Amino acid sequence: MTRHLLIASAALAALSLAACGQPADQSATAPAESVVPDANPAATIPTLADEASAPDFSRLAAQSDMLEIQSSQLAGERAQDGEVKAFAQMMVDAHTQTTQNLKTAIESAGQSIILPTVPDEDVADELRDLREAAVTEFDREYIDLQVDTHQKTLNLMQRYARDGDVPTLQAFAASTAPTIQQHLDQATALQTRLNSAN
């Protein structure tokens, strides 16, 4: 009797070990694999509540483009530094294209989102401050604005690429983020040069 109990116990132990070695069925709990490409670099700031929905994201992205385009058009007229002027023209061209890409993504996603066509209060304030900048301070103030705006836009793109609610717009955000990072790097380099000259 004792021998039978020992054999039964050994068999149960063997079955338990075998079960531990088998991978659990995770189909019910594993998250679906994302088809959205990763934004580069990865977002490190939690997504804000008003950035995860397609209408809010689209509005913020469009306002950012407006600020980039209109401030850069102003820099084309007022900037003294040749590299700053060249950067400004690049920003006009690049962000005009980004706006077009956003419109295309919205249409492809079947979203009925109407993008703003006039600056909101925050953008209008930034543009007014830049217009009022002294000639001797304009280049630095413009580049400081570019660094700040591109960092905010990069955060926006990265967060929506990760947490957004419309896959087509997530893909747009993910593919746009590396370009915004390049612009940020260029603006930061110009900022460093202009600051070191004083």
C-alpha atoms as a PDB file:
ATOM      1  CA  MET A   1       0.000   0.000   0.000  1.00  0.00           C
ATOM      2  CA  THR A   2       2.768   2.368   0.952  1.00  0.00           C
ATOM      3  CA  ARG A   3       4.604   1.415  -2.231  1.00  0.00           C
ATOM      4  CA  HIS A   4       1.513   2.240  -4.320  1.00  0.00           C
ATOM      5  CA  LEU A   5       1.191   5.646  -2.649  1.00  0.00           C
ATOM      6  CA  LEU A   6       4.847   6.441  -3.354  1.00  0.00           C
ATOM      7  CA  ILE A   7       4.437   5.518  -7.017  1.00  0.00           C
ATOM      8  CA  ALA A   8       1.304   7.642  -7.296  1.00  0.00           C
ATOM      9  CA  SER A   9       3.042  10.588  -5.638  1.00  0.00           C
ATOM     10  CA  ALA A  10       5.997  10.284  -8.009  1.00  0.00           C
ATOM     11  CA  ALA A  11       3.682  10.200 -11.007  1.00  0.00           C
ATOM     12  CA  LEU A  12       1.866  13.332  -9.827  1.00  0.00           C
ATOM     13  CA  ALA A  13       5.162  15.112  -9.290  1.00  0.00           C
ATOM     14  CA  ALA A  14       6.316  14.185 -12.789  1.00  0.00           C
ATOM     15  CA  LEU A  15       3.067  15.458 -14.302  1.00  0.00           C
ATOM     16  CA  SER A  16       3.379  18.725 -12.365  1.00  0.00           C
ATOM     17  CA  LEU A  17       6.930  19.273 -13.636  1.00  0.00           C
ATOM     18  CA  ALA A  18       5.880  18.518 -17.185  1.00  0.00           C
ATOM     19  CA  ALA A  19       3.039  21.011 -16.909  1.00  0.00           C
ATOM     20  CA  CYS A  20       5.423  23.692 -15.630  1.00  0.00           C
ATOM     21  CA  GLY A  21       7.574  23.176 -18.692  1.00  0.00           C
ATOM     22  CA  GLN A  22       4.698  23.784 -21.098  1.00  0.00           C
ATOM     23  CA  PRO A  23       4.037  27.370 -22.238  1.00  0.00           C
ATOM     24  CA  ALA A  24       0.723  28.709 -21.006  1.00  0.00           C
ATOM     25  CA  ASP A  25      -1.958  29.536 -23.526  1.00  0.00           C
ATOM     26  CA  GLN A  26      -1.735  33.306 -23.648  1.00  0.00           C
ATOM     27  CA  SER A  27      -4.098  33.865 -26.534  1.00  0.00           C
ATOM     28  CA  ALA A  28      -6.764  35.281 -24.242  1.00  0.00           C
ATOM     29  CA  THR A  29      -4.502  37.747 -22.474  1.00  0.00           C
ATOM     30  CA  ALA A  30      -1.689  38.609 -24.913  1.00  0.00           C
ATOM     31  CA  PRO A  31      -2.098  42.049 -26.483  1.00  0.00           C
ATOM     32  CA  ALA A  32      -2.558  42.186 -30.228  1.00  0.00           C
ATOM     33  CA  GLU A  33       0.661  42.860 -32.058  1.00  0.00           C
ATOM     34  CA  SER A  34       0.819  46.477 -33.150  1.00  0.00           C
ATOM     35  CA  VAL A  35       0.991  47.179 -36.854  1.00  0.00           C
ATOM     36  CA  VAL A  36       2.005  50.780 -36.246  1.00  0.00           C
ATOM     37  CA  PRO A  37       5.709  51.487 -36.835  1.00  0.00           C
ATOM     38  CA  ASP A  38       7.594  52.797 -33.836  1.00  0.00           C
ATOM     39  CA  ALA A  39       8.209  56.527 -33.664  1.00  0.00           C
ATOM     40  CA  ASN A  40      11.900  57.262 -33.286  1.00  0.00           C
ATOM     41  CA  PRO A  41      12.973  57.848 -30.594  1.00  0.00           C
ATOM     42  CA  ALA A  42      10.368  56.286 -28.328  1.00  0.00           C
ATOM     43  CA  ALA A  43       8.083  58.583 -26.408  1.00  0.00           C
ATOM     44  CA  THR A  44       8.942  58.898 -22.750  1.00  0.00           C
ATOM     45  CA  ILE A  45       6.163  61.226 -21.619  1.00  0.00           C
ATOM     46  CA  PRO A  46       2.689  59.820 -20.851  1.00  0.00           C
ATOM     47  CA  THR A  47       0.022  60.629 -23.408  1.00  0.00           C
ATOM     48  CA  LEU A  48      -2.235  63.483 -22.345  1.00  0.00           C
ATOM     49  CA  ALA A  49      -5.982  62.896 -22.399  1.00  0.00           C
ATOM     50  CA  ASP A  50      -6.538  65.483 -25.144  1.00  0.00           C
ATOM     51  CA  GLU A  51      -3.924  63.977 -27.484  1.00  0.00           C
ATOM     52  CA  ALA A  52      -5.110  60.383 -27.856  1.00  0.00           C
ATOM     53  CA  SER A  53      -8.228  61.068 -29.945  1.00  0.00           C
ATOM     54  CA  ALA A  54      -7.971  61.713 -33.674  1.00  0.00           C
ATOM     55  CA  PRO A  55      -9.713  65.136 -33.694  1.00  0.00           C
ATOM     56  CA  ASP A  56      -7.557  66.500 -30.858  1.00  0.00           C
ATOM     57  CA  PHE A  57      -4.336  65.109 -32.320  1.00  0.00           C
ATOM     58  CA  SER A  58      -5.160  66.486 -35.775  1.00  0.00           C
ATOM     59  CA  ARG A  59      -5.975  69.933 -34.384  1.00  0.00           C
ATOM     60  CA  LEU A  60      -2.742  70.098 -32.378  1.00  0.00           C
ATOM     61  CA  ALA A  61      -0.649  68.872 -35.312  1.00  0.00           C
ATOM     62  CA  ALA A  62      -2.245  71.428 -37.639  1.00  0.00           C
ATOM     63  CA  GLN A  63      -1.689  74.270 -35.160  1.00  0.00           C
ATOM     64  CA  SER A  64       1.950  73.235 -34.813  1.00  0.00           C
ATOM     65  CA  ASP A  65       2.383  73.337 -38.585  1.00  0.00           C
ATOM     66  CA  MET A  66       0.775  76.774 -38.718  1.00  0.00           C
ATOM     67  CA  LEU A  67       3.183  78.061 -36.097  1.00  0.00           C
ATOM     68  CA  GLU A  68       6.154  76.570 -37.932  1.00  0.00           C
ATOM     69  CA  ILE A  69       5.090  77.929 -41.318  1.00  0.00           C
ATOM     70  CA  GLN A  70       4.058  81.426 -40.260  1.00  0.00           C
ATOM     71  CA  SER A  71       6.996  81.988 -37.904  1.00  0.00           C
ATOM     72  CA  SER A  72       9.369  80.762 -40.624  1.00  0.00           C
ATOM     73  CA  GLN A  73       7.814  83.031 -43.227  1.00  0.00           C
ATOM     74  CA  LEU A  74       8.457  85.884 -40.820  1.00  0.00           C
ATOM     75  CA  ALA A  75      12.047  84.679 -40.379  1.00  0.00           C
ATOM     76  CA  GLY A  76      12.461  84.689 -44.146  1.00  0.00           C
ATOM     77  CA  GLU A  77      11.781  88.413 -44.020  1.00  0.00           C
ATOM     78  CA  ARG A  78      13.529  89.406 -40.797  1.00  0.00           C
ATOM     79  CA  ALA A  79      16.346  86.942 -40.038  1.00  0.00           C
ATOM     80  CA  GLN A  80      19.892  88.303 -40.368  1.00  0.00           C
ATOM     81  CA  ASP A  81      21.799  85.019 -40.289  1.00  0.00           C
ATOM     82  CA  GLY A  82      22.072  83.140 -43.601  1.00  0.00           C
ATOM     83  CA  GLU A  83      21.763  79.701 -42.006  1.00  0.00           C
ATOM     84  CA  VAL A  84      18.717  80.812 -40.051  1.00  0.00           C
ATOM     85  CA  LYS A  85      17.094  82.058 -43.267  1.00  0.00           C
ATOM     86  CA  ALA A  86      17.848  78.752 -45.010  1.00  0.00           C
ATOM     87  CA  PHE A  87      16.438  76.805 -42.078  1.00  0.00           C
ATOM     88  CA  ALA A  88      13.301  78.953 -42.126  1.00  0.00           C
ATOM     89  CA  GLN A  89      12.674  78.215 -45.806  1.00  0.00           C
ATOM     90  CA  MET A  90      13.172  74.522 -45.158  1.00  0.00           C
ATOM     91  CA  MET A  91      10.585  74.716 -42.375  1.00  0.00           C
ATOM     92  CA  VAL A  92       8.027  76.396 -44.644  1.00  0.00           C
ATOM     93  CA  ASP A  93       8.466  73.665 -47.263  1.00  0.00           C
ATOM     94  CA  ALA A  94       8.604  70.755 -44.792  1.00  0.00           C
ATOM     95  CA  HIS A  95       5.603  71.759 -42.699  1.00  0.00           C
ATOM     96  CA  THR A  96       3.493  72.617 -45.726  1.00  0.00           C
ATOM     97  CA  GLN A  97       4.133  69.023 -46.780  1.00  0.00           C
ATOM     98  CA  THR A  98       3.386  67.707 -43.297  1.00  0.00           C
ATOM     99  CA  THR A  99       0.002  69.447 -43.346  1.00  0.00           C
ATOM    100  CA  GLN A 100      -0.763  67.866 -46.703  1.00  0.00           C
ATOM    101  CA  ASN A 101       0.296  64.446 -45.401  1.00  0.00           C
ATOM    102  CA  LEU A 102      -1.990  64.907 -42.390  1.00  0.00           C
ATOM    103  CA  LYS A 103      -4.934  65.759 -44.645  1.00  0.00           C
ATOM    104  CA  THR A 104      -4.225  62.672 -46.753  1.00  0.00           C
ATOM    105  CA  ALA A 105      -4.053  60.467 -43.646  1.00  0.00           C
ATOM    106  CA  ILE A 106      -7.357  61.855 -42.371  1.00  0.00           C
ATOM    107  CA  GLU A 107      -9.033  61.161 -45.725  1.00  0.00           C
ATOM    108  CA  SER A 108      -7.529  57.663 -45.948  1.00  0.00           C
ATOM    109  CA  ALA A 109      -8.813  56.898 -42.457  1.00  0.00           C
ATOM    110  CA  GLY A 110     -12.314  57.978 -43.444  1.00  0.00           C
ATOM    111  CA  GLN A 111     -12.377  60.597 -40.712  1.00  0.00           C
ATOM    112  CA  SER A 112     -14.557  63.701 -41.017  1.00  0.00           C
ATOM    113  CA  ILE A 113     -12.046  65.985 -39.321  1.00  0.00           C
ATOM    114  CA  ILE A 114     -11.803  69.603 -40.447  1.00  0.00           C
ATOM    115  CA  LEU A 115      -8.402  71.095 -39.721  1.00  0.00           C
ATOM    116  CA  PRO A 116      -8.177  74.639 -38.338  1.00  0.00           C
ATOM    117  CA  THR A 117      -7.155  77.314 -40.817  1.00  0.00           C
ATOM    118  CA  VAL A 118      -6.377  80.127 -38.377  1.00  0.00           C
ATOM    119  CA  PRO A 119      -3.974  80.116 -35.423  1.00  0.00           C
ATOM    120  CA  ASP A 120      -5.415  79.486 -31.982  1.00  0.00           C
ATOM    121  CA  GLU A 121      -4.706  81.877 -29.111  1.00  0.00           C
ATOM    122  CA  ASP A 122      -1.427  80.241 -28.083  1.00  0.00           C
ATOM    123  CA  VAL A 123      -0.043  80.221 -31.629  1.00  0.00           C
ATOM    124  CA  ALA A 124      -1.196  83.812 -32.209  1.00  0.00           C
ATOM    125  CA  ASP A 125       0.602  84.896 -29.029  1.00  0.00           C
ATOM    126  CA  GLU A 126       3.837  83.203 -30.117  1.00  0.00           C
ATOM    127  CA  LEU A 127       3.660  84.870 -33.536  1.00  0.00           C
ATOM    128  CA  ARG A 128       2.945  88.270 -32.003  1.00  0.00           C
ATOM    129  CA  ASP A 129       5.926  87.975 -29.658  1.00  0.00           C
ATOM    130  CA  LEU A 130       8.166  87.039 -32.567  1.00  0.00           C
ATOM    131  CA  ARG A 131       6.944  89.987 -34.664  1.00  0.00           C
ATOM    132  CA  GLU A 132       7.723  92.322 -31.777  1.00  0.00           C
ATOM    133  CA  ALA A 133      11.259  90.981 -31.262  1.00  0.00           C
ATOM    134  CA  ALA A 134      14.067  93.482 -31.787  1.00  0.00           C
ATOM    135  CA  VAL A 135      16.099  93.028 -34.961  1.00  0.00           C
ATOM    136  CA  THR A 136      19.190  92.132 -32.944  1.00  0.00           C
ATOM    137  CA  GLU A 137      17.280  89.468 -31.004  1.00  0.00           C
ATOM    138  CA  PHE A 138      15.092  88.082 -33.755  1.00  0.00           C
ATOM    139  CA  ASP A 139      17.285  85.203 -34.949  1.00  0.00           C
ATOM    140  CA  ARG A 140      17.768  83.800 -31.467  1.00  0.00           C
ATOM    141  CA  GLU A 141      14.114  84.200 -30.537  1.00  0.00           C
ATOM    142  CA  TYR A 142      13.023  82.488 -33.748  1.00  0.00           C
ATOM    143  CA  ILE A 143      15.390  79.555 -33.217  1.00  0.00           C
ATOM    144  CA  ASP A 144      14.432  79.278 -29.541  1.00  0.00           C
ATOM    145  CA  LEU A 145      10.812  79.028 -30.671  1.00  0.00           C
ATOM    146  CA  GLN A 146      11.757  76.357 -33.211  1.00  0.00           C
ATOM    147  CA  VAL A 147      13.505  74.248 -30.590  1.00  0.00           C
ATOM    148  CA  ASP A 148      10.579  74.511 -28.196  1.00  0.00           C
ATOM    149  CA  THR A 149       7.903  73.874 -30.827  1.00  0.00           C
ATOM    150  CA  HIS A 150       9.694  70.939 -32.420  1.00  0.00           C
ATOM    151  CA  GLN A 151      10.189  69.283 -29.042  1.00  0.00           C
ATOM    152  CA  LYS A 152       6.486  69.622 -28.257  1.00  0.00           C
ATOM    153  CA  THR A 153       5.549  68.350 -31.708  1.00  0.00           C
ATOM    154  CA  LEU A 154       7.929  65.410 -31.411  1.00  0.00           C
ATOM    155  CA  ASN A 155       6.315  64.469 -28.094  1.00  0.00           C
ATOM    156  CA  LEU A 156       2.871  64.763 -29.690  1.00  0.00           C
ATOM    157  CA  MET A 157       3.798  62.524 -32.637  1.00  0.00           C
ATOM    158  CA  GLN A 158       5.484  59.904 -30.476  1.00  0.00           C
ATOM    159  CA  ARG A 159       2.619  59.713 -28.017  1.00  0.00           C
ATOM    160  CA  TYR A 160      -0.088  59.448 -30.661  1.00  0.00           C
ATOM    161  CA  ALA A 161       1.914  56.843 -32.566  1.00  0.00           C
ATOM    162  CA  ARG A 162       1.844  54.756 -29.402  1.00  0.00           C
ATOM    163  CA  ASP A 163      -1.559  55.522 -27.895  1.00  0.00           C
ATOM    164  CA  GLY A 164      -3.702  57.037 -30.663  1.00  0.00           C
ATOM    165  CA  ASP A 165      -7.131  55.745 -31.601  1.00  0.00           C
ATOM    166  CA  VAL A 166      -6.917  55.678 -35.426  1.00  0.00           C
ATOM    167  CA  PRO A 167      -4.272  53.363 -36.972  1.00  0.00           C
ATOM    168  CA  THR A 168      -3.830  55.414 -40.165  1.00  0.00           C
ATOM    169  CA  LEU A 169      -3.127  58.535 -38.128  1.00  0.00           C
ATOM    170  CA  GLN A 170      -0.870  56.536 -35.808  1.00  0.00           C
ATOM    171  CA  ALA A 171       1.153  55.520 -38.865  1.00  0.00           C
ATOM    172  CA  PHE A 172       1.312  59.177 -39.970  1.00  0.00           C
ATOM    173  CA  ALA A 173       2.550  60.216 -36.534  1.00  0.00           C
ATOM    174  CA  ALA A 174       5.150  57.449 -36.429  1.00  0.00           C
ATOM    175  CA  SER A 175       6.507  58.262 -39.885  1.00  0.00           C
ATOM    176  CA  THR A 176       6.553  62.015 -39.173  1.00  0.00           C
ATOM    177  CA  ALA A 177       8.372  61.797 -35.827  1.00  0.00           C
ATOM    178  CA  PRO A 178      11.866  61.083 -37.271  1.00  0.00           C
ATOM    179  CA  THR A 179      11.604  64.146 -39.531  1.00  0.00           C
ATOM    180  CA  ILE A 180      10.592  66.303 -36.582  1.00  0.00           C
ATOM    181  CA  GLN A 181      13.578  64.900 -34.676  1.00  0.00           C
ATOM    182  CA  GLN A 182      15.886  65.953 -37.534  1.00  0.00           C
ATOM    183  CA  HIS A 183      14.416  69.459 -37.494  1.00  0.00           C
ATOM    184  CA  LEU A 184      14.870  69.606 -33.721  1.00  0.00           C
ATOM    185  CA  ASP A 185      18.510  68.536 -34.011  1.00  0.00           C
ATOM    186  CA  GLN A 186      19.178  71.206 -36.659  1.00  0.00           C
ATOM    187  CA  ALA A 187      17.432  73.907 -34.651  1.00  0.00           C
ATOM    188  CA  THR A 188      19.343  72.918 -31.516  1.00  0.00           C
ATOM    189  CA  ALA A 189      22.655  73.156 -33.394  1.00  0.00           C
ATOM    190  CA  LEU A 190      21.731  76.631 -34.634  1.00  0.00           C
ATOM    191  CA  GLN A 191      20.667  77.624 -31.134  1.00  0.00           C
ATOM    192  CA  THR A 192      24.037  76.523 -29.736  1.00  0.00           C
ATOM    193  CA  ARG A 193      25.938  78.462 -32.401  1.00  0.00           C
ATOM    194  CA  LEU A 194      23.918  81.634 -31.952  1.00  0.00           C
ATOM    195  CA  ASN A 195      24.235  81.527 -28.168  1.00  0.00           C
ATOM    196  CA  SER A 196      27.989  80.937 -28.309  1.00  0.00           C
ATOM    197  CA  ALA A 197      28.406  83.986 -30.557  1.00  0.00           C
ATOM    198  CA  ASN A 198      27.295  86.267 -27.697  1.00  0.00           C
END
